């Protein structure tokens, strides 16, 4: 029987979230996982956007957006990791939206640091950093209402902020800005499957620098 396949790099926070959802919802038997480097030209045959993750369904349909992939994995596994309470589910989904926005800014900031110094934009970096700080403050405020323990929102939180520690620690003291989130991440990283997927445990090489056109 043809399986769906999830593609991604082991250091990507988006992919880590999808991998955790795949395991937690019981979709591993129906969804294979293959490591992929989005900087390899041949990866465009999997995802023309050259981004990870990508979930290629058994019929060839490609899904390229992380929350959509997570919802699809939950459907495949038959277990919804989101709260059953509508109000709590909305808060959880809203938190994931903030986290995805944080990652967009964070990845852009990190990649800019890999460009030759003469090609970097200090104005854009300042704007991105301001957004990262504001997002962390918002995350801390929202955590005044606790997330469901080890649910979808919590998995998204630890995937996002562990990546921030892994890639942005020399630029951003996120733990000082969001201590409540830092404490929750420390707690979550004691859980075996979460600890095993920490980006520092990845076998892959660091993200390559930006190549000149």
N, C-alpha and C. Protein backbone atom coordinates (compact mmCIF):
# COMPACT_ATOMS: atom_id res chain seq x y z
N UNK A 1 0.84 -1.20 0.00
CA UNK A 1 0.00 0.00 0.00
C UNK A 1 0.88 1.25 0.00
N UNK A 2 0.60 2.18 -0.90
CA UNK A 2 1.38 3.40 -0.99
C UNK A 2 1.09 4.29 0.21
N UNK A 3 2.14 4.80 0.83
CA UNK A 3 1.99 5.67 1.98
C UNK A 3 2.15 7.12 1.59
N UNK A 4 1.62 7.98 2.43
CA UNK A 4 1.98 9.39 2.34
C UNK A 4 3.40 9.53 2.89
N UNK A 5 4.09 10.60 2.49
CA UNK A 5 5.46 10.81 2.96
C UNK A 5 5.62 12.25 3.44
N UNK A 6 6.19 12.38 4.63
CA UNK A 6 6.52 13.67 5.20
C UNK A 6 8.00 13.92 4.97
N UNK A 7 8.33 15.06 4.35
CA UNK A 7 9.71 15.41 4.07
C UNK A 7 10.13 16.59 4.95
N UNK A 8 11.37 16.54 5.42
CA UNK A 8 11.84 17.68 6.19
C UNK A 8 13.24 17.51 6.73
N UNK A 9 13.81 18.61 7.18
CA UNK A 9 15.13 18.60 7.81
C UNK A 9 14.96 18.44 9.32
N UNK A 10 15.95 17.86 9.96
CA UNK A 10 15.84 17.53 11.37
C UNK A 10 16.02 18.73 12.29
N UNK A 11 16.51 19.84 11.75
CA UNK A 11 16.66 21.03 12.58
C UNK A 11 15.51 22.02 12.42
N UNK A 12 14.63 21.77 11.47
CA UNK A 12 13.53 22.70 11.22
C UNK A 12 12.48 22.62 12.32
N UNK A 13 12.07 23.76 12.90
CA UNK A 13 11.02 23.74 13.91
C UNK A 13 9.67 23.34 13.34
N UNK A 14 9.42 23.72 12.09
CA UNK A 14 8.17 23.34 11.44
C UNK A 14 8.09 21.82 11.30
N UNK A 15 9.20 21.23 10.87
CA UNK A 15 9.25 19.78 10.67
C UNK A 15 9.17 19.06 12.01
N UNK A 16 9.84 19.60 13.01
CA UNK A 16 9.78 18.98 14.34
C UNK A 16 8.35 18.90 14.84
N UNK A 17 7.60 19.98 14.67
CA UNK A 17 6.20 19.96 15.09
C UNK A 17 5.43 18.88 14.34
N UNK A 18 5.63 18.79 13.04
CA UNK A 18 4.93 17.77 12.25
C UNK A 18 5.33 16.36 12.66
N UNK A 19 6.60 16.16 12.95
CA UNK A 19 7.06 14.84 13.38
C UNK A 19 6.43 14.45 14.72
N UNK A 20 6.35 15.40 15.64
CA UNK A 20 5.74 15.11 16.94
C UNK A 20 4.25 14.83 16.79
N UNK A 21 3.58 15.60 15.95
CA UNK A 21 2.16 15.37 15.72
C UNK A 21 1.96 13.99 15.08
N UNK A 22 2.79 13.67 14.10
CA UNK A 22 2.71 12.37 13.42
C UNK A 22 2.81 11.22 14.42
N UNK A 23 3.73 11.34 15.37
CA UNK A 23 3.90 10.28 16.36
C UNK A 23 2.77 10.28 17.37
N UNK A 24 2.42 11.47 17.87
CA UNK A 24 1.42 11.55 18.94
C UNK A 24 0.02 11.14 18.49
N UNK A 25 -0.30 11.37 17.22
CA UNK A 25 -1.65 11.05 16.77
C UNK A 25 -1.74 9.65 16.15
N UNK A 26 -0.63 8.93 16.11
CA UNK A 26 -0.65 7.55 15.62
C UNK A 26 -0.63 7.41 14.12
N UNK A 27 -0.03 8.38 13.42
CA UNK A 27 0.00 8.34 11.96
C UNK A 27 1.27 7.73 11.39
N UNK A 28 2.18 7.26 12.24
CA UNK A 28 3.47 6.77 11.76
C UNK A 28 3.34 5.59 10.80
N UNK A 29 2.35 4.73 11.03
CA UNK A 29 2.21 3.55 10.17
C UNK A 29 1.76 3.93 8.76
N UNK A 30 1.10 5.06 8.63
CA UNK A 30 0.55 5.48 7.33
C UNK A 30 1.31 6.62 6.68
N UNK A 31 2.24 7.22 7.41
CA UNK A 31 3.00 8.36 6.87
C UNK A 31 4.49 8.11 7.11
N UNK A 32 5.23 7.88 6.05
CA UNK A 32 6.67 7.71 6.15
C UNK A 32 7.33 9.07 6.37
N UNK A 33 8.56 9.05 6.86
CA UNK A 33 9.32 10.30 7.02
C UNK A 33 10.65 10.17 6.30
N UNK A 34 10.98 11.18 5.50
CA UNK A 34 12.27 11.22 4.81
C UNK A 34 12.93 12.57 5.06
N UNK A 35 14.22 12.53 5.39
CA UNK A 35 14.94 13.78 5.56
C UNK A 35 15.14 14.44 4.21
N UNK A 36 15.14 15.76 4.22
CA UNK A 36 15.28 16.52 2.98
C UNK A 36 15.98 17.83 3.27
N UNK A 37 16.78 18.28 2.31
CA UNK A 37 17.45 19.57 2.41
C UNK A 37 16.80 20.52 1.40
N UNK A 38 16.09 21.54 1.88
CA UNK A 38 15.38 22.43 0.95
C UNK A 38 16.32 23.23 0.06
N UNK A 39 17.62 23.24 0.37
CA UNK A 39 18.57 23.97 -0.46
C UNK A 39 19.09 23.12 -1.62
N UNK A 40 18.74 21.84 -1.65
CA UNK A 40 19.10 20.99 -2.79
C UNK A 40 18.12 21.24 -3.93
N UNK A 41 18.65 21.48 -5.11
CA UNK A 41 17.80 21.83 -6.25
C UNK A 41 16.77 20.74 -6.55
N UNK A 42 17.15 19.47 -6.37
CA UNK A 42 16.23 18.39 -6.73
C UNK A 42 15.02 18.32 -5.80
N UNK A 43 15.11 19.00 -4.64
CA UNK A 43 13.98 18.98 -3.71
C UNK A 43 12.77 19.70 -4.29
N UNK A 44 12.99 20.57 -5.27
CA UNK A 44 11.85 21.27 -5.90
C UNK A 44 10.89 20.30 -6.58
N UNK A 45 11.35 19.10 -6.89
CA UNK A 45 10.43 18.12 -7.47
C UNK A 45 9.45 17.61 -6.41
N UNK A 46 9.81 17.78 -5.13
CA UNK A 46 8.92 17.43 -4.03
C UNK A 46 8.05 18.63 -3.66
N UNK A 47 8.70 19.77 -3.46
CA UNK A 47 8.00 21.00 -3.11
C UNK A 47 8.55 22.13 -3.97
N UNK A 48 7.78 22.62 -4.93
CA UNK A 48 8.28 23.67 -5.82
C UNK A 48 8.63 24.96 -5.08
N UNK A 49 8.14 25.12 -3.85
CA UNK A 49 8.48 26.29 -3.05
C UNK A 49 9.83 26.15 -2.37
N UNK A 50 10.41 24.93 -2.43
CA UNK A 50 11.71 24.64 -1.82
C UNK A 50 11.73 24.97 -0.33
N UNK A 51 10.66 24.56 0.35
CA UNK A 51 10.57 24.75 1.79
C UNK A 51 10.21 23.42 2.45
N UNK A 52 10.56 23.32 3.72
CA UNK A 52 10.12 22.17 4.50
C UNK A 52 9.22 22.68 5.62
N UNK A 53 8.26 21.83 6.02
CA UNK A 53 8.00 20.46 5.59
C UNK A 53 7.17 20.41 4.32
N UNK A 54 7.08 19.19 3.78
CA UNK A 54 6.13 18.89 2.72
C UNK A 54 5.53 17.52 3.03
N UNK A 55 4.23 17.42 2.87
CA UNK A 55 3.55 16.14 3.02
C UNK A 55 2.97 15.77 1.67
N UNK A 56 3.47 14.69 1.09
CA UNK A 56 2.98 14.22 -0.20
C UNK A 56 2.05 13.06 0.05
N UNK A 57 0.79 13.25 -0.30
CA UNK A 57 -0.22 12.24 -0.05
C UNK A 57 -0.06 11.07 -1.01
N UNK A 58 -0.74 9.97 -0.71
CA UNK A 58 -0.61 8.76 -1.51
C UNK A 58 -1.00 8.99 -2.97
N UNK A 59 -1.92 9.93 -3.21
CA UNK A 59 -2.34 10.21 -4.59
C UNK A 59 -1.47 11.27 -5.26
N UNK A 60 -0.40 11.72 -4.57
CA UNK A 60 0.51 12.70 -5.15
C UNK A 60 0.22 14.14 -4.78
N UNK A 61 -0.88 14.40 -4.09
CA UNK A 61 -1.20 15.77 -3.68
C UNK A 61 -0.17 16.26 -2.68
N UNK A 62 0.38 17.46 -2.91
CA UNK A 62 1.38 18.02 -2.02
C UNK A 62 0.80 19.06 -1.08
N UNK A 63 1.11 18.92 0.21
CA UNK A 63 0.70 19.89 1.22
C UNK A 63 1.97 20.55 1.75
N UNK A 64 1.99 21.89 1.78
CA UNK A 64 3.23 22.60 2.08
C UNK A 64 3.14 23.55 3.27
N UNK A 65 1.99 23.64 3.90
CA UNK A 65 1.81 24.58 5.01
C UNK A 65 1.71 23.80 6.31
N UNK A 66 2.51 24.20 7.31
CA UNK A 66 2.65 23.40 8.53
C UNK A 66 1.34 23.12 9.25
N UNK A 67 0.51 24.13 9.58
CA UNK A 67 -0.75 23.81 10.27
C UNK A 67 -1.65 22.87 9.47
N UNK A 68 -1.69 23.04 8.14
CA UNK A 68 -2.49 22.14 7.31
C UNK A 68 -1.94 20.72 7.38
N UNK A 69 -0.62 20.58 7.33
CA UNK A 69 -0.01 19.26 7.44
C UNK A 69 -0.36 18.63 8.79
N UNK A 70 -0.28 19.42 9.85
CA UNK A 70 -0.58 18.88 11.18
C UNK A 70 -2.03 18.42 11.28
N UNK A 71 -2.96 19.21 10.76
CA UNK A 71 -4.36 18.80 10.80
C UNK A 71 -4.59 17.54 9.98
N UNK A 72 -3.90 17.43 8.85
CA UNK A 72 -4.03 16.24 8.01
C UNK A 72 -3.47 15.01 8.71
N UNK A 73 -2.34 15.17 9.38
CA UNK A 73 -1.76 14.05 10.13
C UNK A 73 -2.71 13.58 11.23
N UNK A 74 -3.37 14.53 11.89
CA UNK A 74 -4.34 14.16 12.92
C UNK A 74 -5.50 13.38 12.31
N UNK A 75 -5.93 13.81 11.13
CA UNK A 75 -7.02 13.09 10.45
C UNK A 75 -6.58 11.67 10.09
N UNK A 76 -5.35 11.54 9.58
CA UNK A 76 -4.85 10.23 9.19
C UNK A 76 -4.71 9.32 10.40
N UNK A 77 -4.17 9.87 11.49
CA UNK A 77 -3.96 9.07 12.69
C UNK A 77 -5.22 8.82 13.50
N UNK A 78 -6.25 9.61 13.23
CA UNK A 78 -7.51 9.42 13.95
C UNK A 78 -7.50 9.96 15.37
N UNK A 79 -6.58 10.89 15.66
CA UNK A 79 -6.52 11.47 17.00
C UNK A 79 -6.24 12.96 16.87
N UNK A 80 -7.16 13.77 17.39
CA UNK A 80 -7.00 15.22 17.35
C UNK A 80 -6.28 15.67 18.60
N UNK A 81 -5.15 16.32 18.43
CA UNK A 81 -4.33 16.77 19.56
C UNK A 81 -4.76 18.13 20.09
N UNK A 82 -5.77 18.72 19.48
CA UNK A 82 -6.28 20.01 19.93
C UNK A 82 -7.38 19.81 20.97
N UNK A 83 -7.62 20.85 21.74
CA UNK A 83 -8.63 20.78 22.79
C UNK A 83 -10.02 20.52 22.19
N UNK A 84 -10.84 19.77 22.92
CA UNK A 84 -12.22 19.53 22.48
C UNK A 84 -13.12 20.72 22.81
N UNK A 85 -12.69 21.55 23.75
CA UNK A 85 -13.47 22.73 24.11
C UNK A 85 -13.28 23.80 23.04
N UNK A 86 -14.35 24.29 22.42
CA UNK A 86 -14.21 25.24 21.30
C UNK A 86 -13.42 26.50 21.66
N UNK A 87 -13.67 27.06 22.83
CA UNK A 87 -12.97 28.29 23.22
C UNK A 87 -11.49 28.02 23.43
N UNK A 88 -11.17 26.90 24.09
CA UNK A 88 -9.78 26.55 24.32
C UNK A 88 -9.08 26.21 23.01
N UNK A 89 -9.80 25.54 22.11
CA UNK A 89 -9.21 25.20 20.81
C UNK A 89 -8.87 26.47 20.04
N UNK A 90 -9.76 27.45 20.10
CA UNK A 90 -9.49 28.71 19.40
C UNK A 90 -8.26 29.39 19.97
N UNK A 91 -8.13 29.41 21.31
CA UNK A 91 -6.94 30.00 21.93
C UNK A 91 -5.68 29.25 21.51
N UNK A 92 -5.79 27.93 21.42
CA UNK A 92 -4.65 27.11 21.04
C UNK A 92 -4.23 27.38 19.59
N UNK A 93 -5.21 27.43 18.70
CA UNK A 93 -4.92 27.71 17.29
C UNK A 93 -4.35 29.13 17.13
N UNK A 94 -4.89 30.07 17.92
CA UNK A 94 -4.38 31.44 17.86
C UNK A 94 -2.93 31.51 18.32
N UNK A 95 -2.60 30.75 19.37
CA UNK A 95 -1.21 30.69 19.84
C UNK A 95 -0.30 30.13 18.75
N UNK A 96 -0.75 29.08 18.09
CA UNK A 96 0.06 28.50 17.01
C UNK A 96 0.28 29.54 15.92
N UNK A 97 -0.73 30.35 15.63
CA UNK A 97 -0.57 31.40 14.64
C UNK A 97 0.52 32.40 15.02
N UNK A 98 0.56 32.79 16.30
CA UNK A 98 1.61 33.69 16.77
C UNK A 98 2.98 33.02 16.64
N UNK A 99 3.05 31.75 17.00
CA UNK A 99 4.31 31.02 16.92
C UNK A 99 4.81 30.89 15.48
N UNK A 100 3.89 30.64 14.55
CA UNK A 100 4.29 30.55 13.15
C UNK A 100 4.80 31.91 12.65
N UNK A 101 4.16 32.99 13.10
CA UNK A 101 4.64 34.32 12.73
C UNK A 101 6.02 34.60 13.31
N UNK A 102 6.23 34.18 14.56
CA UNK A 102 7.55 34.33 15.18
C UNK A 102 8.61 33.60 14.35
N UNK A 103 8.28 32.40 13.91
CA UNK A 103 9.25 31.63 13.14
C UNK A 103 9.55 32.28 11.79
N UNK A 104 8.55 32.83 11.15
CA UNK A 104 8.80 33.51 9.87
C UNK A 104 9.81 34.63 10.05
N UNK A 105 9.62 35.43 11.10
CA UNK A 105 10.56 36.51 11.38
C UNK A 105 11.93 35.96 11.79
N UNK A 106 11.91 34.92 12.62
CA UNK A 106 13.16 34.36 13.11
C UNK A 106 14.01 33.74 12.02
N UNK A 107 13.37 32.99 11.13
CA UNK A 107 14.10 32.38 10.02
C UNK A 107 14.67 33.47 9.11
N UNK A 108 13.87 34.50 8.83
CA UNK A 108 14.36 35.59 7.99
C UNK A 108 15.55 36.29 8.65
N UNK A 109 15.46 36.50 9.96
CA UNK A 109 16.57 37.15 10.68
C UNK A 109 17.82 36.29 10.60
N UNK A 110 17.66 35.00 10.87
CA UNK A 110 18.80 34.09 10.87
C UNK A 110 19.46 34.02 9.49
N UNK A 111 18.65 33.88 8.45
CA UNK A 111 19.21 33.79 7.11
C UNK A 111 19.94 35.07 6.71
N UNK A 112 19.43 36.20 7.17
CA UNK A 112 20.11 37.47 6.87
C UNK A 112 21.51 37.49 7.48
N UNK A 113 21.67 36.87 8.64
CA UNK A 113 23.00 36.85 9.27
C UNK A 113 23.98 35.98 8.50
N UNK A 114 23.47 35.12 7.62
CA UNK A 114 24.34 34.25 6.83
C UNK A 114 24.77 34.88 5.51
N UNK A 115 24.17 36.01 5.19
CA UNK A 115 24.56 36.71 3.97
C UNK A 115 25.89 37.44 4.19
N UNK A 116 26.63 37.74 3.12
CA UNK A 116 27.82 38.57 3.28
C UNK A 116 27.45 39.88 3.97
N UNK A 117 28.29 40.34 4.87
CA UNK A 117 27.95 41.50 5.70
C UNK A 117 27.56 42.72 4.87
N UNK A 118 28.23 42.92 3.75
CA UNK A 118 27.94 44.09 2.93
C UNK A 118 26.55 44.04 2.30
N UNK A 119 25.95 42.85 2.26
CA UNK A 119 24.64 42.69 1.63
C UNK A 119 23.50 42.69 2.64
N UNK A 120 23.81 42.76 3.92
CA UNK A 120 22.77 42.71 4.94
C UNK A 120 22.07 44.05 5.08
N UNK A 121 20.82 44.00 5.51
CA UNK A 121 20.04 45.22 5.73
C UNK A 121 19.83 45.40 7.23
N UNK A 122 20.47 46.41 7.80
CA UNK A 122 20.31 46.66 9.23
C UNK A 122 18.89 47.13 9.55
N UNK A 123 18.27 47.87 8.64
CA UNK A 123 16.91 48.35 8.86
C UNK A 123 15.93 47.17 8.97
N UNK A 124 16.05 46.23 8.04
CA UNK A 124 15.17 45.07 8.08
C UNK A 124 15.44 44.21 9.31
N UNK A 125 16.71 44.07 9.69
CA UNK A 125 17.03 43.28 10.87
C UNK A 125 16.46 43.91 12.14
N UNK A 126 16.52 45.23 12.23
CA UNK A 126 15.93 45.91 13.38
C UNK A 126 14.42 45.70 13.42
N UNK A 127 13.80 45.77 12.27
CA UNK A 127 12.35 45.56 12.20
C UNK A 127 11.99 44.13 12.59
N UNK A 128 12.76 43.17 12.09
CA UNK A 128 12.50 41.77 12.43
C UNK A 128 12.69 41.53 13.92
N UNK A 129 13.77 42.08 14.48
CA UNK A 129 14.03 41.88 15.90
C UNK A 129 12.92 42.49 16.75
N UNK A 130 12.44 43.65 16.37
CA UNK A 130 11.34 44.26 17.10
C UNK A 130 10.11 43.36 17.07
N UNK A 131 9.87 42.74 15.92
CA UNK A 131 8.75 41.81 15.81
C UNK A 131 8.94 40.58 16.66
N UNK A 132 10.15 40.06 16.71
CA UNK A 132 10.44 38.88 17.53
C UNK A 132 10.20 39.17 19.01
N UNK A 133 10.67 40.32 19.46
CA UNK A 133 10.49 40.70 20.87
C UNK A 133 9.00 40.87 21.18
N UNK A 134 8.29 41.55 20.30
CA UNK A 134 6.85 41.76 20.51
C UNK A 134 6.09 40.44 20.53
N UNK A 135 6.48 39.52 19.65
CA UNK A 135 5.83 38.21 19.61
C UNK A 135 6.08 37.44 20.90
N UNK A 136 7.31 37.50 21.42
CA UNK A 136 7.62 36.82 22.68
C UNK A 136 6.80 37.39 23.83
N UNK A 137 6.65 38.70 23.85
CA UNK A 137 5.83 39.32 24.89
C UNK A 137 4.38 38.87 24.78
N UNK A 138 3.90 38.76 23.55
CA UNK A 138 2.53 38.29 23.33
C UNK A 138 2.37 36.83 23.75
N UNK A 139 3.36 36.01 23.44
CA UNK A 139 3.32 34.60 23.85
C UNK A 139 3.27 34.50 25.37
N UNK A 140 4.10 35.29 26.05
CA UNK A 140 4.10 35.27 27.51
C UNK A 140 2.76 35.69 28.09
N UNK A 141 2.15 36.70 27.49
CA UNK A 141 0.84 37.16 27.95
C UNK A 141 -0.21 36.08 27.76
N UNK A 142 -0.19 35.43 26.61
CA UNK A 142 -1.20 34.40 26.32
C UNK A 142 -1.04 33.17 27.21
N UNK A 143 0.18 32.92 27.67
CA UNK A 143 0.40 31.76 28.53
C UNK A 143 -0.14 31.96 29.94
N UNK A 144 -0.66 33.16 30.23
CA UNK A 144 -1.36 33.35 31.50
C UNK A 144 -2.55 32.40 31.59
N UNK A 145 -3.11 32.04 30.41
CA UNK A 145 -4.09 30.96 30.32
C UNK A 145 -3.34 29.73 29.83
N UNK A 146 -3.12 28.73 30.68
CA UNK A 146 -2.25 27.60 30.31
C UNK A 146 -2.74 26.85 29.08
N UNK A 147 -1.79 26.36 28.30
CA UNK A 147 -2.11 25.50 27.18
C UNK A 147 -2.41 24.09 27.69
N UNK A 148 -3.24 23.33 26.96
CA UNK A 148 -3.45 21.93 27.33
C UNK A 148 -2.11 21.20 27.39
N UNK A 149 -1.90 20.42 28.43
CA UNK A 149 -0.61 19.77 28.66
C UNK A 149 -0.24 18.84 27.50
N UNK A 150 0.89 19.11 26.88
CA UNK A 150 1.43 18.32 25.78
C UNK A 150 0.47 18.21 24.59
N UNK A 151 -0.40 19.20 24.43
CA UNK A 151 -1.30 19.24 23.28
C UNK A 151 -0.63 19.91 22.09
N UNK A 152 -1.42 20.18 21.07
CA UNK A 152 -0.91 20.75 19.82
C UNK A 152 -0.20 22.08 20.06
N UNK A 153 -0.81 22.95 20.85
CA UNK A 153 -0.21 24.25 21.12
C UNK A 153 1.11 24.14 21.86
N UNK A 154 1.17 23.24 22.84
CA UNK A 154 2.40 23.05 23.60
C UNK A 154 3.51 22.49 22.72
N UNK A 155 3.17 21.57 21.82
CA UNK A 155 4.17 21.02 20.90
C UNK A 155 4.69 22.10 19.96
N UNK A 156 3.80 22.99 19.52
CA UNK A 156 4.22 24.09 18.66
C UNK A 156 5.12 25.05 19.42
N UNK A 157 4.80 25.29 20.69
CA UNK A 157 5.59 26.20 21.51
C UNK A 157 7.02 25.69 21.68
N UNK A 158 7.17 24.43 22.08
CA UNK A 158 8.51 23.90 22.34
C UNK A 158 9.29 23.78 21.04
N UNK A 159 8.63 23.45 19.94
CA UNK A 159 9.33 23.36 18.66
C UNK A 159 9.86 24.72 18.23
N UNK A 160 9.06 25.75 18.45
CA UNK A 160 9.43 27.10 18.05
C UNK A 160 10.56 27.66 18.91
N UNK A 161 10.40 27.58 20.23
CA UNK A 161 11.34 28.26 21.11
C UNK A 161 12.64 27.49 21.30
N UNK A 162 12.61 26.18 21.16
CA UNK A 162 13.88 25.44 21.14
C UNK A 162 14.69 25.83 19.90
N UNK A 163 13.99 26.06 18.79
CA UNK A 163 14.70 26.53 17.59
C UNK A 163 15.30 27.91 17.82
N UNK A 164 14.55 28.78 18.51
CA UNK A 164 15.08 30.11 18.81
C UNK A 164 16.36 30.01 19.63
N UNK A 165 16.37 29.09 20.58
CA UNK A 165 17.58 28.89 21.39
C UNK A 165 18.71 28.33 20.53
N UNK A 166 18.37 27.46 19.60
CA UNK A 166 19.35 26.78 18.75
C UNK A 166 19.98 27.73 17.73
N UNK A 167 19.18 28.62 17.16
CA UNK A 167 19.65 29.47 16.06
C UNK A 167 19.84 30.95 16.42
N UNK A 168 19.12 31.43 17.43
CA UNK A 168 19.11 32.88 17.67
C UNK A 168 19.67 33.27 19.03
N UNK A 169 20.20 32.32 19.79
CA UNK A 169 20.60 32.62 21.17
C UNK A 169 21.62 33.75 21.26
N UNK A 170 22.48 33.88 20.27
CA UNK A 170 23.49 34.94 20.32
C UNK A 170 22.93 36.31 19.95
N UNK A 171 21.69 36.33 19.46
CA UNK A 171 21.07 37.60 19.05
C UNK A 171 19.89 37.99 19.94
N UNK A 172 19.27 36.99 20.58
CA UNK A 172 17.98 37.22 21.24
C UNK A 172 17.91 36.42 22.54
N UNK A 173 17.79 37.12 23.68
CA UNK A 173 17.64 36.46 24.97
C UNK A 173 16.16 36.21 25.23
N UNK A 174 15.61 35.24 24.50
CA UNK A 174 14.17 35.04 24.53
C UNK A 174 13.68 34.57 25.90
N UNK A 175 14.52 33.85 26.64
CA UNK A 175 14.09 33.34 27.94
C UNK A 175 13.86 34.47 28.94
N UNK A 176 14.63 35.54 28.82
CA UNK A 176 14.43 36.69 29.70
C UNK A 176 13.15 37.44 29.36
N UNK A 177 12.79 37.42 28.08
CA UNK A 177 11.58 38.13 27.64
C UNK A 177 10.33 37.32 27.96
N UNK A 178 10.42 36.00 27.86
CA UNK A 178 9.25 35.13 28.06
C UNK A 178 9.59 34.02 29.05
N UNK A 179 9.80 34.36 30.33
CA UNK A 179 10.21 33.34 31.31
C UNK A 179 9.17 32.25 31.52
N UNK A 180 7.89 32.59 31.41
CA UNK A 180 6.86 31.56 31.56
C UNK A 180 6.97 30.52 30.45
N UNK A 181 7.22 30.98 29.24
CA UNK A 181 7.40 30.07 28.11
C UNK A 181 8.67 29.24 28.27
N UNK A 182 9.73 29.86 28.79
CA UNK A 182 10.98 29.14 29.00
C UNK A 182 10.80 28.01 30.00
N UNK A 183 10.07 28.28 31.08
CA UNK A 183 9.83 27.25 32.09
C UNK A 183 9.03 26.10 31.51
N UNK A 184 8.04 26.41 30.67
CA UNK A 184 7.23 25.36 30.06
C UNK A 184 8.07 24.52 29.10
N UNK A 185 8.95 25.16 28.34
CA UNK A 185 9.81 24.42 27.42
C UNK A 185 10.76 23.50 28.18
N UNK A 186 11.31 23.98 29.29
CA UNK A 186 12.18 23.13 30.11
C UNK A 186 11.43 21.90 30.58
N UNK A 187 10.18 22.08 30.98
CA UNK A 187 9.37 20.97 31.45
C UNK A 187 9.07 19.99 30.31
N UNK A 188 8.71 20.52 29.15
CA UNK A 188 8.37 19.67 28.02
C UNK A 188 9.57 18.88 27.52
N UNK A 189 10.75 19.45 27.61
CA UNK A 189 11.94 18.77 27.11
C UNK A 189 12.39 17.61 28.00
N UNK A 190 11.68 17.38 29.08
CA UNK A 190 11.92 16.20 29.90
C UNK A 190 11.13 14.99 29.39
N UNK A 191 10.21 15.24 28.46
CA UNK A 191 9.41 14.16 27.87
C UNK A 191 10.25 13.50 26.77
N UNK A 192 10.41 12.17 26.78
CA UNK A 192 11.37 11.51 25.89
C UNK A 192 11.22 11.83 24.41
N UNK A 193 10.01 11.76 23.85
CA UNK A 193 9.89 11.98 22.41
C UNK A 193 10.16 13.43 22.04
N UNK A 194 9.84 14.35 22.93
CA UNK A 194 10.14 15.75 22.67
C UNK A 194 11.64 16.00 22.76
N UNK A 195 12.28 15.44 23.78
CA UNK A 195 13.73 15.60 23.92
C UNK A 195 14.48 15.00 22.74
N UNK A 196 13.99 13.86 22.24
CA UNK A 196 14.68 13.17 21.15
C UNK A 196 14.68 13.97 19.86
N UNK A 197 13.69 14.85 19.69
CA UNK A 197 13.60 15.63 18.45
C UNK A 197 14.19 17.02 18.58
N UNK A 198 14.85 17.31 19.70
CA UNK A 198 15.47 18.63 19.88
C UNK A 198 16.46 18.86 18.74
N UNK A 199 16.50 20.07 18.18
CA UNK A 199 17.39 20.31 17.03
C UNK A 199 18.86 20.06 17.31
N UNK A 200 19.28 20.16 18.56
CA UNK A 200 20.68 19.90 18.88
C UNK A 200 21.04 18.42 18.72
N UNK A 201 20.03 17.56 18.64
CA UNK A 201 20.26 16.13 18.46
C UNK A 201 20.26 15.72 17.00
N UNK A 202 20.05 16.67 16.10
CA UNK A 202 19.97 16.34 14.68
C UNK A 202 21.33 15.90 14.15
N UNK A 203 21.29 14.95 13.23
CA UNK A 203 22.52 14.45 12.61
C UNK A 203 22.95 15.31 11.43
N UNK A 204 22.01 16.12 10.92
CA UNK A 204 22.31 16.88 9.71
C UNK A 204 23.30 18.00 9.96
N UNK A 205 23.90 18.48 8.90
CA UNK A 205 24.85 19.59 8.99
C UNK A 205 24.09 20.89 9.19
N UNK A 206 24.76 21.92 9.69
CA UNK A 206 24.09 23.21 9.88
C UNK A 206 23.54 23.74 8.56
N UNK A 207 22.53 24.60 8.69
CA UNK A 207 21.93 25.19 7.50
C UNK A 207 23.00 25.92 6.70
N UNK A 208 23.07 25.68 5.41
CA UNK A 208 24.11 26.34 4.61
C UNK A 208 23.87 27.83 4.51
N UNK A 209 24.93 28.54 4.15
CA UNK A 209 24.80 29.97 3.94
C UNK A 209 24.05 30.28 2.67
N UNK A 210 23.70 31.52 2.49
CA UNK A 210 22.99 31.94 1.29
C UNK A 210 23.98 32.03 0.13
N UNK A 211 23.63 31.39 -0.95
CA UNK A 211 24.50 31.42 -2.12
C UNK A 211 24.16 32.62 -2.99
N UNK A 212 25.17 33.23 -3.55
CA UNK A 212 24.93 34.35 -4.46
C UNK A 212 24.28 33.85 -5.73
N UNK A 213 23.40 34.69 -6.28
CA UNK A 213 22.73 34.31 -7.52
C UNK A 213 23.73 34.32 -8.67
